[in-house]
């Protein structure tokens, strides 16, 4: 993959993670909500893709934790949704 494409994928991921945090600080998103967790997950996955081509161990490890935390957040979100729908 061309370096500019790899950089674009990584920068898009960075922007998504930063946007999620920025929206959280502005109280424009809920940390338990779908949008926040999807932004974080997608951003971390895009950053991981760019790391496949330009590997950095420390960045890779933090992305694994970020992906894991986002998946937990999404799992809890959908659990709350299914509990709300069945009542």
PDB file of N, CA and C in Angstrom:
ATOM      1  N   UNK A   1       0.858  -1.171   0.000  1.00  0.00           N
ATOM      2  CA  UNK A   1       0.000   0.000   0.000  1.00  0.00           C
ATOM      3  C   UNK A   1       0.907   1.238   0.000  1.00  0.00           C
ATOM      4  N   UNK A   2       0.513   2.253  -0.751  1.00  0.00           N
ATOM      5  CA  UNK A   2       1.290   3.482  -0.803  1.00  0.00           C
ATOM      6  C   UNK A   2       1.330   4.148   0.568  1.00  0.00           C
ATOM      7  N   UNK A   3       2.445   4.823   0.855  1.00  0.00           N
ATOM      8  CA  UNK A   3       2.592   5.491   2.146  1.00  0.00           C
ATOM      9  C   UNK A   3       1.507   6.531   2.399  1.00  0.00           C
ATOM     10  N   UNK A   4       1.103   7.247   1.353  1.00  0.00           N
ATOM     11  CA  UNK A   4       0.089   8.288   1.561  1.00  0.00           C
ATOM     12  C   UNK A   4      -1.260   7.693   1.927  1.00  0.00           C
ATOM     13  N   UNK A   5      -1.556   6.503   1.396  1.00  0.00           N
ATOM     14  CA  UNK A   5      -2.819   5.840   1.740  1.00  0.00           C
ATOM     15  C   UNK A   5      -2.769   5.366   3.194  1.00  0.00           C
ATOM     16  N   UNK A   6      -1.647   4.767   3.566  1.00  0.00           N
ATOM     17  CA  UNK A   6      -1.465   4.310   4.946  1.00  0.00           C
ATOM     18  C   UNK A   6      -1.584   5.480   5.913  1.00  0.00           C
ATOM     19  N   UNK A   7      -0.945   6.586   5.578  1.00  0.00           N
ATOM     20  CA  UNK A   7      -1.031   7.780   6.428  1.00  0.00           C
ATOM     21  C   UNK A   7      -2.460   8.318   6.490  1.00  0.00           C
ATOM     22  N   UNK A   8      -3.160   8.311   5.368  1.00  0.00           N
ATOM     23  CA  UNK A   8      -4.540   8.804   5.341  1.00  0.00           C
ATOM     24  C   UNK A   8      -5.447   7.931   6.212  1.00  0.00           C
ATOM     25  N   UNK A   9      -5.267   6.615   6.147  1.00  0.00           N
ATOM     26  CA  UNK A   9      -6.057   5.695   6.977  1.00  0.00           C
ATOM     27  C   UNK A   9      -5.767   5.954   8.453  1.00  0.00           C
ATOM     28  N   UNK A  10      -4.490   6.068   8.803  1.00  0.00           N
ATOM     29  CA  UNK A  10      -4.110   6.329  10.188  1.00  0.00           C
ATOM     30  C   UNK A  10      -4.610   7.669  10.691  1.00  0.00           C
ATOM     31  N   UNK A  11      -4.502   8.706   9.866  1.00  0.00           N
ATOM     32  CA  UNK A  11      -4.971  10.024  10.267  1.00  0.00           C
ATOM     33  C   UNK A  11      -6.492  10.067  10.418  1.00  0.00           C
ATOM     34  N   UNK A  12      -7.197   9.343   9.566  1.00  0.00           N
ATOM     35  CA  UNK A  12      -8.653   9.262   9.704  1.00  0.00           C
ATOM     36  C   UNK A  12      -9.008   8.609  11.038  1.00  0.00           C
ATOM     37  N   UNK A  13      -8.296   7.545  11.381  1.00  0.00           N
ATOM     38  CA  UNK A  13      -8.509   6.891  12.670  1.00  0.00           C
ATOM     39  C   UNK A  13      -8.220   7.815  13.833  1.00  0.00           C
ATOM     40  N   UNK A  14      -7.132   8.552  13.735  1.00  0.00           N
ATOM     41  CA  UNK A  14      -6.778   9.513  14.782  1.00  0.00           C
ATOM     42  C   UNK A  14      -7.870  10.567  14.940  1.00  0.00           C
ATOM     43  N   UNK A  15      -8.333  11.092  13.825  1.00  0.00           N
ATOM     44  CA  UNK A  15      -9.382  12.112  13.873  1.00  0.00           C
ATOM     45  C   UNK A  15     -10.661  11.574  14.517  1.00  0.00           C
ATOM     46  N   UNK A  16     -10.982  10.313  14.242  1.00  0.00           N
ATOM     47  CA  UNK A  16     -12.199   9.732  14.813  1.00  0.00           C
ATOM     48  C   UNK A  16     -12.081   9.579  16.329  1.00  0.00           C
ATOM     49  N   UNK A  17     -10.931   9.105  16.799  1.00  0.00           N
ATOM     50  CA  UNK A  17     -10.737   8.926  18.241  1.00  0.00           C
ATOM     51  C   UNK A  17     -10.733  10.284  18.943  1.00  0.00           C
ATOM     52  N   UNK A  18     -10.050  11.249  18.357  1.00  0.00           N
ATOM     53  CA  UNK A  18     -10.004  12.588  18.948  1.00  0.00           C
ATOM     54  C   UNK A  18     -11.388  13.234  18.913  1.00  0.00           C
ATOM     55  N   UNK A  19     -12.125  13.046  17.824  1.00  0.00           N
ATOM     56  CA  UNK A  19     -13.479  13.591  17.732  1.00  0.00           C
ATOM     57  C   UNK A  19     -14.374  13.011  18.818  1.00  0.00           C
ATOM     58  N   UNK A  20     -14.278  11.709  19.049  1.00  0.00           N
ATOM     59  CA  UNK A  20     -15.082  11.077  20.096  1.00  0.00           C
ATOM     60  C   UNK A  20     -14.786  11.718  21.452  1.00  0.00           C
ATOM     61  N   UNK A  21     -13.513  11.909  21.746  1.00  0.00           N
ATOM     62  CA  UNK A  21     -13.131  12.505  23.022  1.00  0.00           C
ATOM     63  C   UNK A  21     -13.579  13.967  23.098  1.00  0.00           C
ATOM     64  N   UNK A  22     -13.415  14.696  22.015  1.00  0.00           N
ATOM     65  CA  UNK A  22     -13.830  16.102  21.949  1.00  0.00           C
ATOM     66  C   UNK A  22     -15.342  16.234  22.184  1.00  0.00           C
ATOM     67  N   UNK A  23     -16.130  15.393  21.508  1.00  0.00           N
ATOM     68  CA  UNK A  23     -17.583  15.421  21.699  1.00  0.00           C
ATOM     69  C   UNK A  23     -17.960  15.069  23.131  1.00  0.00           C
ATOM     70  N   UNK A  24     -17.218  14.159  23.730  1.00  0.00           N
ATOM     71  CA  UNK A  24     -17.468  13.781  25.118  1.00  0.00           C
ATOM     72  C   UNK A  24     -17.217  14.971  26.046  1.00  0.00           C
ATOM     73  N   UNK A  25     -16.123  15.683  25.829  1.00  0.00           N
ATOM     74  CA  UNK A  25     -15.791  16.831  26.674  1.00  0.00           C
ATOM     75  C   UNK A  25     -16.790  17.976  26.506  1.00  0.00           C
ATOM     76  N   UNK A  26     -17.339  18.105  25.312  1.00  0.00           N
ATOM     77  CA  UNK A  26     -18.359  19.132  25.067  1.00  0.00           C
ATOM     78  C   UNK A  26     -19.755  18.682  25.499  1.00  0.00           C
ATOM     79  N   UNK A  27     -19.843  17.465  26.034  1.00  0.00           N
ATOM     80  CA  UNK A  27     -21.100  16.855  26.448  1.00  0.00           C
ATOM     81  C   UNK A  27     -22.089  16.765  25.298  1.00  0.00           C
ATOM     82  N   UNK A  28     -21.544  16.461  24.116  1.00  0.00           N
ATOM     83  CA  UNK A  28     -22.361  16.291  22.915  1.00  0.00           C
ATOM     84  C   UNK A  28     -22.569  14.819  22.575  1.00  0.00           C
ATOM     85  N   UNK A  29     -21.972  13.946  23.365  1.00  0.00           N
ATOM     86  CA  UNK A  29     -22.161  12.516  23.183  1.00  0.00           C
ATOM     87  C   UNK A  29     -22.133  11.839  24.548  1.00  0.00           C
ATOM     88  N   UNK A  30     -22.749  10.696  24.616  1.00  0.00           N
ATOM     89  CA  UNK A  30     -22.844   9.927  25.853  1.00  0.00           C
ATOM     90  C   UNK A  30     -21.756   8.851  25.834  1.00  0.00           C
ATOM     91  N   UNK A  31     -20.923   8.758  26.885  1.00  0.00           N
ATOM     92  CA  UNK A  31     -19.880   7.729  26.889  1.00  0.00           C
ATOM     93  C   UNK A  31     -20.427   6.299  26.875  1.00  0.00           C
ATOM     94  N   UNK A  32     -21.707   6.145  27.198  1.00  0.00           N
ATOM     95  CA  UNK A  32     -22.343   4.828  27.144  1.00  0.00           C
ATOM     96  C   UNK A  32     -23.107   4.633  25.843  1.00  0.00           C
ATOM     97  N   UNK A  33     -23.061   5.639  24.971  1.00  0.00           N
ATOM     98  CA  UNK A  33     -23.861   5.605  23.755  1.00  0.00           C
ATOM     99  C   UNK A  33     -23.196   4.903  22.588  1.00  0.00           C
ATOM    100  N   UNK A  34     -23.993   4.673  21.581  1.00  0.00           N
ATOM    101  CA  UNK A  34     -23.544   3.978  20.377  1.00  0.00           C
ATOM    102  C   UNK A  34     -22.516   4.801  19.604  1.00  0.00           C
ATOM    103  N   UNK A  35     -22.796   6.084  19.398  1.00  0.00           N
ATOM    104  CA  UNK A  35     -21.915   6.922  18.579  1.00  0.00           C
ATOM    105  C   UNK A  35     -20.508   6.987  19.155  1.00  0.00           C
ATOM    106  N   UNK A  36     -20.383   7.224  20.446  1.00  0.00           N
ATOM    107  CA  UNK A  36     -19.077   7.335  21.096  1.00  0.00           C
ATOM    108  C   UNK A  36     -18.267   6.052  20.915  1.00  0.00           C
ATOM    109  N   UNK A  37     -18.885   4.924  21.196  1.00  0.00           N
ATOM    110  CA  UNK A  37     -18.170   3.651  21.119  1.00  0.00           C
ATOM    111  C   UNK A  37     -17.841   3.258  19.684  1.00  0.00           C
ATOM    112  N   UNK A  38     -18.729   3.559  18.752  1.00  0.00           N
ATOM    113  CA  UNK A  38     -18.433   3.266  17.346  1.00  0.00           C
ATOM    114  C   UNK A  38     -17.310   4.145  16.805  1.00  0.00           C
ATOM    115  N   UNK A  39     -17.310   5.414  17.191  1.00  0.00           N
ATOM    116  CA  UNK A  39     -16.214   6.302  16.769  1.00  0.00           C
ATOM    117  C   UNK A  39     -14.876   5.786  17.295  1.00  0.00           C
ATOM    118  N   UNK A  40     -14.846   5.418  18.553  1.00  0.00           N
ATOM    119  CA  UNK A  40     -13.608   4.895  19.136  1.00  0.00           C
ATOM    120  C   UNK A  40     -13.175   3.585  18.484  1.00  0.00           C
ATOM    121  N   UNK A  41     -14.101   2.684  18.294  1.00  0.00           N
ATOM    122  CA  UNK A  41     -13.770   1.395  17.694  1.00  0.00           C
ATOM    123  C   UNK A  41     -13.272   1.565  16.262  1.00  0.00           C
ATOM    124  N   UNK A  42     -13.997   2.315  15.467  1.00  0.00           N
ATOM    125  CA  UNK A  42     -13.607   2.508  14.077  1.00  0.00           C
ATOM    126  C   UNK A  42     -12.254   3.213  13.987  1.00  0.00           C
ATOM    127  N   UNK A  43     -12.063   4.234  14.816  1.00  0.00           N
ATOM    128  CA  UNK A  43     -10.788   4.935  14.826  1.00  0.00           C
ATOM    129  C   UNK A  43      -9.633   4.025  15.194  1.00  0.00           C
ATOM    130  N   UNK A  44      -9.824   3.205  16.214  1.00  0.00           N
ATOM    131  CA  UNK A  44      -8.766   2.292  16.648  1.00  0.00           C
ATOM    132  C   UNK A  44      -8.475   1.231  15.587  1.00  0.00           C
ATOM    133  N   UNK A  45      -9.504   0.747  14.913  1.00  0.00           N
ATOM    134  CA  UNK A  45      -9.292  -0.239  13.839  1.00  0.00           C
ATOM    135  C   UNK A  45      -8.512   0.393  12.688  1.00  0.00           C
ATOM    136  N   UNK A  46      -8.874   1.614  12.309  1.00  0.00           N
ATOM    137  CA  UNK A  46      -8.144   2.298  11.231  1.00  0.00           C
ATOM    138  C   UNK A  46      -6.688   2.548  11.621  1.00  0.00           C
ATOM    139  N   UNK A  47      -6.464   2.947  12.847  1.00  0.00           N
ATOM    140  CA  UNK A  47      -5.083   3.122  13.314  1.00  0.00           C
ATOM    141  C   UNK A  47      -4.331   1.797  13.287  1.00  0.00           C
ATOM    142  N   UNK A  48      -4.999   0.710  13.657  1.00  0.00           N
ATOM    143  CA  UNK A  48      -4.357  -0.613  13.626  1.00  0.00           C
ATOM    144  C   UNK A  48      -4.002  -1.027  12.210  1.00  0.00           C
ATOM    145  N   UNK A  49      -4.859  -0.699  11.261  1.00  0.00           N
ATOM    146  CA  UNK A  49      -4.562  -1.001   9.850  1.00  0.00           C
ATOM    147  C   UNK A  49      -3.305  -0.258   9.424  1.00  0.00           C
ATOM    148  N   UNK A  50      -3.198   1.016   9.778  1.00  0.00           N
ATOM    149  CA  UNK A  50      -2.003   1.768   9.401  1.00  0.00           C
ATOM    150  C   UNK A  50      -0.764   1.209  10.103  1.00  0.00           C
ATOM    151  N   UNK A  51      -0.936   0.690  11.326  1.00  0.00           N
ATOM    152  CA  UNK A  51       0.192   0.093  12.047  1.00  0.00           C
ATOM    153  C   UNK A  51       0.653  -1.212  11.413  1.00  0.00           C
ATOM    154  N   UNK A  52      -0.204  -1.871  10.701  1.00  0.00           N
ATOM    155  CA  UNK A  52       0.189  -3.083   9.989  1.00  0.00           C
ATOM    156  C   UNK A  52       1.305  -2.766   8.990  1.00  0.00           C
ATOM    157  N   UNK A  53       1.231  -1.591   8.398  1.00  0.00           N
ATOM    158  CA  UNK A  53       2.212  -1.199   7.383  1.00  0.00           C
ATOM    159  C   UNK A  53       3.389  -0.428   7.971  1.00  0.00           C
ATOM    160  N   UNK A  54       3.176   0.270   9.075  1.00  0.00           N
ATOM    161  CA  UNK A  54       4.237   1.019   9.760  1.00  0.00           C
ATOM    162  C   UNK A  54       4.164   0.672  11.241  1.00  0.00           C
ATOM    163  N   UNK A  55       4.682  -0.502  11.595  1.00  0.00           N
ATOM    164  CA  UNK A  55       4.483  -1.053  12.930  1.00  0.00           C
ATOM    165  C   UNK A  55       5.213  -0.260  14.004  1.00  0.00           C
ATOM    166  N   UNK A  56       4.515  -0.093  15.133  1.00  0.00           N
ATOM    167  CA  UNK A  56       5.063   0.505  16.339  1.00  0.00           C
ATOM    168  C   UNK A  56       4.409  -0.245  17.491  1.00  0.00           C
ATOM    169  N   UNK A  57       5.210  -0.950  18.280  1.00  0.00           N
ATOM    170  CA  UNK A  57       4.662  -1.825  19.316  1.00  0.00           C
ATOM    171  C   UNK A  57       3.794  -1.076  20.330  1.00  0.00           C
ATOM    172  N   UNK A  58       4.277   0.054  20.819  1.00  0.00           N
ATOM    173  CA  UNK A  58       3.506   0.798  21.829  1.00  0.00           C
ATOM    174  C   UNK A  58       2.151   1.239  21.268  1.00  0.00           C
ATOM    175  N   UNK A  59       2.137   1.737  20.051  1.00  0.00           N
ATOM    176  CA  UNK A  59       0.873   2.151  19.436  1.00  0.00           C
ATOM    177  C   UNK A  59      -0.047   0.968  19.197  1.00  0.00           C
ATOM    178  N   UNK A  60       0.523  -0.154  18.796  1.00  0.00           N
ATOM    179  CA  UNK A  60      -0.270  -1.353  18.557  1.00  0.00           C
ATOM    180  C   UNK A  60      -0.943  -1.831  19.842  1.00  0.00           C
ATOM    181  N   UNK A  61      -0.189  -1.837  20.935  1.00  0.00           N
ATOM    182  CA  UNK A  61      -0.733  -2.296  22.219  1.00  0.00           C
ATOM    183  C   UNK A  61      -1.875  -1.390  22.669  1.00  0.00           C
ATOM    184  N   UNK A  62      -1.696  -0.081  22.562  1.00  0.00           N
ATOM    185  CA  UNK A  62      -2.773   0.824  22.996  1.00  0.00           C
ATOM    186  C   UNK A  62      -4.006   0.662  22.118  1.00  0.00           C
ATOM    187  N   UNK A  63      -3.818   0.378  20.836  1.00  0.00           N
ATOM    188  CA  UNK A  63      -4.977   0.163  19.952  1.00  0.00           C
ATOM    189  C   UNK A  63      -5.722  -1.101  20.337  1.00  0.00           C
ATOM    190  N   UNK A  64      -4.988  -2.147  20.734  1.00  0.00           N
ATOM    191  CA  UNK A  64      -5.660  -3.372  21.192  1.00  0.00           C
ATOM    192  C   UNK A  64      -6.545  -3.083  22.403  1.00  0.00           C
ATOM    193  N   UNK A  65      -6.012  -2.319  23.361  1.00  0.00           N
ATOM    194  CA  UNK A  65      -6.812  -1.963  24.532  1.00  0.00           C
ATOM    195  C   UNK A  65      -7.982  -1.072  24.148  1.00  0.00           C
ATOM    196  N   UNK A  66      -7.771  -0.141  23.233  1.00  0.00           N
ATOM    197  CA  UNK A  66      -8.841   0.771  22.793  1.00  0.00           C
ATOM    198  C   UNK A  66      -9.959  -0.012  22.101  1.00  0.00           C
ATOM    199  N   UNK A  67      -9.563  -0.967  21.258  1.00  0.00           N
ATOM    200  CA  UNK A  67     -10.548  -1.821  20.582  1.00  0.00           C
ATOM    201  C   UNK A  67     -11.320  -2.648  21.615  1.00  0.00           C
ATOM    202  N   UNK A  68     -10.597  -3.224  22.567  1.00  0.00           N
ATOM    203  CA  UNK A  68     -11.241  -4.018  23.608  1.00  0.00           C
ATOM    204  C   UNK A  68     -12.232  -3.207  24.429  1.00  0.00           C
ATOM    205  N   UNK A  69     -11.830  -2.004  24.835  1.00  0.00           N
ATOM    206  CA  UNK A  69     -12.720  -1.141  25.619  1.00  0.00           C
ATOM    207  C   UNK A  69     -13.949  -0.747  24.809  1.00  0.00           C
ATOM    208  N   UNK A  70     -13.767  -0.481  23.524  1.00  0.00           N
ATOM    209  CA  UNK A  70     -14.893  -0.100  22.672  1.00  0.00           C
ATOM    210  C   UNK A  70     -15.858  -1.262  22.481  1.00  0.00           C
ATOM    211  N   UNK A  71     -15.320  -2.452  22.334  1.00  0.00           N
ATOM    212  CA  UNK A  71     -16.175  -3.634  22.181  1.00  0.00           C
ATOM    213  C   UNK A  71     -16.973  -3.878  23.461  1.00  0.00           C
ATOM    214  N   UNK A  72     -16.334  -3.707  24.607  1.00  0.00           N
ATOM    215  CA  UNK A  72     -17.050  -3.843  25.880  1.00  0.00           C
ATOM    216  C   UNK A  72     -18.160  -2.795  25.968  1.00  0.00           C
ATOM    217  N   UNK A  73     -17.843  -1.557  25.591  1.00  0.00           N
ATOM    218  CA  UNK A  73     -18.842  -0.488  25.609  1.00  0.00           C
ATOM    219  C   UNK A  73     -20.015  -0.785  24.694  1.00  0.00           C
ATOM    220  N   UNK A  74     -19.730  -1.310  23.498  1.00  0.00           N
ATOM    221  CA  UNK A  74     -20.804  -1.661  22.565  1.00  0.00           C
ATOM    222  C   UNK A  74     -21.630  -2.829  23.086  1.00  0.00           C
ATOM    223  N   UNK A  75     -20.974  -3.812  23.662  1.00  0.00           N
ATOM    224  CA  UNK A  75     -21.676  -4.972  24.222  1.00  0.00           C
ATOM    225  C   UNK A  75     -22.634  -4.518  25.324  1.00  0.00           C
ATOM    226  N   UNK A  76     -22.141  -3.654  26.210  1.00  0.00           N
ATOM    227  CA  UNK A  76     -22.991  -3.152  27.288  1.00  0.00           C
ATOM    228  C   UNK A  76     -24.133  -2.300  26.733  1.00  0.00           C
ATOM    229  N   UNK A  77     -23.844  -1.506  25.705  1.00  0.00           N
ATOM    230  CA  UNK A  77     -24.886  -0.686  25.081  1.00  0.00           C
ATOM    231  C   UNK A  77     -26.011  -1.574  24.549  1.00  0.00           C
ATOM    232  N   UNK A  78     -25.649  -2.627  23.799  1.00  0.00           N
ATOM    233  CA  UNK A  78     -26.674  -3.502  23.220  1.00  0.00           C
ATOM    234  C   UNK A  78     -27.381  -4.325  24.286  1.00  0.00           C
ATOM    235  N   UNK A  79     -26.704  -4.641  25.366  1.00  0.00           N
ATOM    236  CA  UNK A  79     -27.384  -5.316  26.478  1.00  0.00           C
ATOM    237  C   UNK A  79     -28.447  -4.403  27.087  1.00  0.00           C
ATOM    238  N   UNK A  80     -28.093  -3.131  27.285  1.00  0.00           N
ATOM    239  CA  UNK A  80     -29.070  -2.181  27.826  1.00  0.00           C
ATOM    240  C   UNK A  80     -30.248  -2.015  26.874  1.00  0.00           C
ATOM    241  N   UNK A  81     -29.966  -1.984  25.572  1.00  0.00           N
ATOM    242  CA  UNK A  81     -31.032  -1.837  24.584  1.00  0.00           C
ATOM    243  C   UNK A  81     -31.974  -3.033  24.604  1.00  0.00           C
ATOM    244  N   UNK A  82     -31.420  -4.236  24.696  1.00  0.00           N
ATOM    245  CA  UNK A  82     -32.281  -5.430  24.689  1.00  0.00           C
ATOM    246  C   UNK A  82     -33.086  -5.528  25.976  1.00  0.00           C
ATOM    247  N   UNK A  83     -32.526  -5.072  27.088  1.00  0.00           N
ATOM    248  CA  UNK A  83     -33.267  -5.064  28.349  1.00  0.00           C
ATOM    249  C   UNK A  83     -34.401  -4.052  28.290  1.00  0.00           C
ATOM    250  N   UNK A  84     -34.144  -2.894  27.683  1.00  0.00           N
ATOM    251  CA  UNK A  84     -35.165  -1.855  27.557  1.00  0.00           C
ATOM    252  C   UNK A  84     -36.296  -2.307  26.630  1.00  0.00           C
ATOM    253  N   UNK A  85     -35.938  -3.013  25.565  1.00  0.00           N
ATOM    254  CA  UNK A  85     -36.949  -3.439  24.582  1.00  0.00           C
ATOM    255  C   UNK A  85     -37.836  -4.558  25.099  1.00  0.00           C
ATOM    256  N   UNK A  86     -37.341  -5.373  26.014  1.00  0.00           N
ATOM    257  CA  UNK A  86     -38.113  -6.515  26.500  1.00  0.00           C
ATOM    258  C   UNK A  86     -39.029  -6.154  27.665  1.00  0.00           C
ATOM    259  N   UNK A  87     -38.945  -4.959  28.136  1.00  0.00           N
ATOM    260  CA  UNK A  87     -39.803  -4.568  29.272  1.00  0.00           C
ATOM    261  C   UNK A  87     -41.156  -4.138  28.814  1.00  0.00           C
TER     262      UNK A  87
END
